[in-house]
Structure formats: C-alpha cells, structure tokens
C-alpha cells in the first residue's frame, strides 16, 4: 500500500486565520478511488464509513475488475485540507454503489464544487455522477484515476467524448493514492470555481 495512504495523519488543529470553508464532494462509480483520494489528501484523520463486503452483496454490488476490494463505503467519507492560511476544503466522498445513490442529493446540498473520479476500465460508471451534477448545476472537474493494472489506452480526449463533457469542464489524470496528485485535482477545481465566479461578475 502506498505510504501516502497507509500513514494517516493525526489531529491537526484548524489554523486561526482560516476564514473561507468550501464544501467539496468527490463522486464516481463503485471502487473508483473516492475513499482513497479523501484519505490521501486529508490533513486530519478522515471519517470513513467503510464496511467489509459480504456474500449479501454478491449480485448487488458489481465488482468485476476489483479483485482486491474487500470494503465499501456505506454513507460517506469526510476529510479536510487547508489550501492556504485562509482557505479550507471540507471533503465528502460519496458512496459509489447504486443502492446508496439516494444519499447523493443530500451530500450535494451546500456544495460549491465536485470532483468526478473516473476508472478507465469502467468509464460508464461515471455517467450518473456527471448527470446528477449537471442536474444540480454544480461545477465539477473530472479526474481520471490511473490504476497500476489499467491496461487501457484511453486518452483524455476519448474519455471527454465518452462522457459527453463540454470543453469548459477540466479533465486531468491523477493517482488518488498520492497526496500531491490529489491536491493538484483539488487546486484544479478551486481554480475552475474562481474562473466561473469571475466570469459571472463580468457578465452584465
């Protein structure tokens, strides 16, 4: 297991100068790496609602291509990361299984932006996430989580086409296990939110 994931941080107090808190939701298909992303970037020990997968989930949770997956999120993950002295991101990782999608609309409440994680082996699993975010008019970026055993050769342009993403939606590669890579995804989202806000201010 990557050291960025295995060595979880302890209790890190919030900086007194922090004045702006942004709620961010990480969504995507089952097993795409949402819990891993929240865990790798969080500066506090993240809250996880993972449970061990049992025989009861056979035929319900689609696990093709996920031989090593033994746990699953049943509510949401929560973490925190300070981008600078004043700006703090509160991260919520949504459950990926279809039977828990009813929780998504509540998680989206008060959300300023979202990250859609994509597994190139199961791109179609991300359609629902994109659809719900567009329905809620929530700005988002798409991050392609490249797994070690990913033998596909899908380019970012091909993934953009497969998900019918408009050109103004940022699309980048990432490794959810690596803190610096996950932080780059979040910074990309914050930059996107800033550009959208500036564009609205300039609109007469």
Protein backbone atom coordinates (compact mmCIF):
# COMPACT_ATOMS: atom_id res chain seq x y z
CA UNK A 1 0.00 0.00 0.00
CA UNK A 2 1.24 3.50 -0.81
CA UNK A 3 2.78 5.31 2.16
CA UNK A 4 0.59 8.37 1.50
CA UNK A 5 -2.44 6.21 2.24
CA UNK A 6 -1.10 3.95 4.97
CA UNK A 7 0.32 6.73 7.15
CA UNK A 8 -2.80 8.58 8.21
CA UNK A 9 -2.44 11.99 9.89
CA UNK A 10 -3.48 12.63 13.46
CA UNK A 11 -5.45 15.53 14.87
CA UNK A 12 -4.37 18.72 13.13
CA UNK A 13 -5.95 21.91 14.54
CA UNK A 14 -7.54 24.32 12.10
CA UNK A 15 -5.49 27.47 11.55
CA UNK A 16 -6.89 30.54 13.35
CA UNK A 17 -6.53 32.53 10.12
CA UNK A 18 -8.90 30.22 8.21
CA UNK A 19 -11.95 32.20 7.14
CA UNK A 20 -13.23 30.50 3.99
CA UNK A 21 -14.56 26.95 4.09
CA UNK A 22 -15.58 25.26 0.86
CA UNK A 23 -17.61 22.06 0.74
CA UNK A 24 -16.38 19.70 -1.97
CA UNK A 25 -17.91 16.35 -2.90
CA UNK A 26 -15.98 13.51 -4.53
CA UNK A 27 -18.23 11.28 -6.62
CA UNK A 28 -17.86 8.46 -9.11
CA UNK A 29 -18.53 4.79 -9.67
CA UNK A 30 -18.12 1.93 -7.23
CA UNK A 31 -14.47 1.25 -6.37
CA UNK A 32 -13.07 4.16 -8.37
CA UNK A 33 -10.93 5.52 -5.52
CA UNK A 34 -13.05 8.14 -3.75
CA UNK A 35 -12.18 6.95 -0.23
CA UNK A 36 -8.52 6.70 -1.22
CA UNK A 37 -8.48 10.27 -2.53
CA UNK A 38 -10.08 11.71 0.61
CA UNK A 39 -7.74 9.67 2.80
CA UNK A 40 -4.58 10.64 0.91
CA UNK A 41 -5.13 14.41 0.96
CA UNK A 42 -6.85 14.91 4.33
CA UNK A 43 -4.78 16.73 6.96
CA UNK A 44 -6.90 15.15 9.70
CA UNK A 45 -7.66 11.52 10.31
CA UNK A 46 -10.59 11.09 7.90
CA UNK A 47 -14.01 9.82 8.90
CA UNK A 48 -14.78 6.66 6.97
CA UNK A 49 -17.96 4.61 6.90
CA UNK A 50 -16.42 1.57 5.28
CA UNK A 51 -17.81 -1.86 5.97
CA UNK A 52 -16.49 -5.28 4.96
CA UNK A 53 -18.17 -6.63 1.84
CA UNK A 54 -20.05 -9.88 2.47
CA UNK A 55 -21.85 -12.53 0.47
CA UNK A 56 -25.02 -10.44 0.81
CA UNK A 57 -23.57 -8.02 -1.74
CA UNK A 58 -22.95 -10.68 -4.38
CA UNK A 59 -25.08 -9.89 -7.42
CA UNK A 60 -25.89 -6.45 -5.99
CA UNK A 61 -22.52 -4.67 -5.99
CA UNK A 62 -20.72 -5.05 -9.31
CA UNK A 63 -17.09 -5.99 -8.52
CA UNK A 64 -15.76 -7.03 -11.93
CA UNK A 65 -12.14 -5.90 -12.22
CA UNK A 66 -11.85 -5.22 -8.47
CA UNK A 67 -10.38 -8.45 -7.14
CA UNK A 68 -8.65 -6.83 -4.16
CA UNK A 69 -11.64 -4.75 -2.99
CA UNK A 70 -12.92 -6.06 0.35
CA UNK A 71 -14.64 -2.99 1.88
CA UNK A 72 -17.17 -0.45 0.71
CA UNK A 73 -18.43 2.98 1.80
CA UNK A 74 -21.99 2.83 3.11
CA UNK A 75 -22.60 6.52 3.92
CA UNK A 76 -19.80 8.97 3.15
CA UNK A 77 -16.16 9.80 3.80
CA UNK A 78 -15.08 13.10 5.35
CA UNK A 79 -11.73 14.86 5.36
CA UNK A 80 -10.21 18.33 5.48
CA UNK A 81 -7.36 20.07 3.70
CA UNK A 82 -6.09 23.64 4.03
CA UNK A 83 -5.04 25.04 0.66
CA UNK A 84 -3.58 28.14 2.30
CA UNK A 85 -3.86 30.10 5.57
CA UNK A 86 -7.39 31.29 4.79
CA UNK A 87 -8.98 28.67 2.52
CA UNK A 88 -10.05 25.25 3.80
CA UNK A 89 -11.72 22.49 1.81
CA UNK A 90 -14.15 20.12 3.55
CA UNK A 91 -14.20 16.90 1.54
CA UNK A 92 -17.12 14.50 1.35
CA UNK A 93 -16.67 11.21 -0.51
CA UNK A 94 -19.97 9.83 -1.79
CA UNK A 95 -20.73 6.08 -1.84
CA UNK A 96 -20.43 4.57 -5.30
CA UNK A 97 -22.94 1.72 -5.25
CA UNK A 98 -26.25 2.34 -6.96
CA UNK A 99 -28.18 1.31 -3.83
CA UNK A 100 -26.69 4.30 -1.97
CA UNK A 101 -27.19 6.92 -4.70
CA UNK A 102 -30.21 8.31 -2.84
CA UNK A 103 -27.69 9.91 -0.44
CA UNK A 104 -26.06 11.96 -3.18
CA UNK A 105 -28.68 14.71 -3.43
CA UNK A 106 -28.27 15.46 0.29
CA UNK A 107 -24.50 15.48 0.02
CA UNK A 108 -24.76 17.97 -2.84
CA UNK A 109 -26.63 20.45 -0.61
CA UNK A 110 -24.35 23.43 0.03
CA UNK A 111 -21.64 22.06 -2.24
CA UNK A 112 -19.68 24.63 -4.24
CA UNK A 113 -17.99 22.12 -6.49
CA UNK A 114 -17.26 18.46 -7.08
CA UNK A 115 -14.66 16.03 -8.34
CA UNK A 116 -15.78 13.15 -10.56
CA UNK A 117 -13.32 10.26 -10.37
CA UNK A 118 -13.16 8.01 -13.41
CA UNK A 119 -11.80 4.48 -13.79
CA UNK A 120 -10.95 3.91 -17.47
CA UNK A 121 -11.88 0.23 -17.06
CA UNK A 122 -15.45 1.26 -16.17
CA UNK A 123 -15.99 4.69 -17.71
CA UNK A 124 -19.76 4.21 -17.98
CA UNK A 125 -19.97 4.04 -14.15
CA UNK A 126 -19.28 7.80 -14.09
CA UNK A 127 -22.24 8.78 -16.27
CA UNK A 128 -24.63 9.01 -13.36
CA UNK A 129 -22.29 11.28 -11.39
CA UNK A 130 -21.93 13.68 -14.31
CA UNK A 131 -25.68 13.63 -14.90
CA UNK A 132 -26.57 14.44 -11.27
CA UNK A 133 -24.02 17.26 -11.04
CA UNK A 134 -25.32 18.82 -14.25
CA UNK A 135 -28.87 18.44 -12.91
CA UNK A 136 -27.90 20.33 -9.73
CA UNK A 137 -25.84 22.81 -11.78
CA UNK A 138 -22.86 22.05 -9.57
CA UNK A 139 -19.49 22.93 -11.15
CA UNK A 140 -17.11 19.99 -11.35
CA UNK A 141 -13.83 18.69 -12.69
CA UNK A 142 -13.14 15.17 -13.90
CA UNK A 143 -10.05 13.29 -12.70
CA UNK A 144 -9.02 10.01 -14.33
CA UNK A 145 -7.60 7.71 -11.65
CA UNK A 146 -4.96 5.67 -13.45
CA UNK A 147 -4.59 2.30 -11.72
CA UNK A 148 -1.40 0.21 -11.83
CA UNK A 149 -3.21 -2.65 -13.56
CA UNK A 150 -5.00 -0.38 -16.03
CA UNK A 151 -4.16 -1.80 -19.45
CA UNK A 152 -6.43 0.55 -21.38
CA UNK A 153 -5.00 3.28 -23.55
CA UNK A 154 -7.88 5.75 -23.40
CA UNK A 155 -6.71 9.29 -23.92
CA UNK A 156 -8.26 12.24 -22.09
CA UNK A 157 -9.91 13.32 -25.35
CA UNK A 158 -11.51 9.89 -25.72
CA UNK A 159 -12.78 10.00 -22.15
CA UNK A 160 -14.17 13.50 -22.69
CA UNK A 161 -16.06 12.22 -25.71
CA UNK A 162 -17.29 9.08 -23.91
CA UNK A 163 -18.72 11.18 -21.05
CA UNK A 164 -20.02 13.92 -23.39
CA UNK A 165 -18.14 16.57 -21.40
CA UNK A 166 -18.18 20.13 -22.65
CA UNK A 167 -14.84 21.75 -23.41
CA UNK A 168 -15.09 24.01 -20.34
CA UNK A 169 -15.05 21.07 -17.89
CA UNK A 170 -11.44 20.50 -16.70
CA UNK A 171 -10.25 16.93 -17.30
CA UNK A 172 -6.95 15.67 -15.83
CA UNK A 173 -5.10 12.48 -14.92
CA UNK A 174 -4.38 11.61 -11.29
CA UNK A 175 -3.28 8.93 -8.87
CA UNK A 176 -5.69 9.02 -5.92
CA UNK A 177 -3.11 7.31 -3.67
CA UNK A 178 -0.60 10.15 -3.96
CA UNK A 179 -1.20 13.26 -1.85
CA UNK A 180 0.41 15.68 -4.31
CA UNK A 181 -1.67 14.30 -7.18
CA UNK A 182 -4.91 14.52 -5.18
CA UNK A 183 -4.07 18.05 -4.08
CA UNK A 184 -3.49 19.02 -7.72
CA UNK A 185 -7.02 17.77 -8.51
CA UNK A 186 -8.49 19.94 -5.75
CA UNK A 187 -6.50 23.00 -6.79
CA UNK A 188 -7.75 22.48 -10.35
CA UNK A 189 -11.31 22.51 -9.02
CA UNK A 190 -10.74 25.66 -6.94
CA UNK A 191 -9.21 27.42 -9.96
CA UNK A 192 -12.23 26.35 -12.03
CA UNK A 193 -14.64 27.72 -9.42
CA UNK A 194 -12.70 31.00 -9.34
CA UNK A 195 -12.82 31.35 -13.13
CA UNK A 196 -16.58 30.72 -13.14
CA UNK A 197 -17.08 33.33 -10.40
CA UNK A 198 -15.02 35.90 -12.31
CA UNK A 199 -16.97 35.19 -15.50
CA UNK A 200 -20.26 35.78 -13.68
CA UNK A 201 -19.01 39.09 -12.31
CA UNK A 202 -18.05 40.25 -15.79
CA UNK A 203 -21.41 39.31 -17.25
CA UNK A 204 -23.64 42.43 -17.49
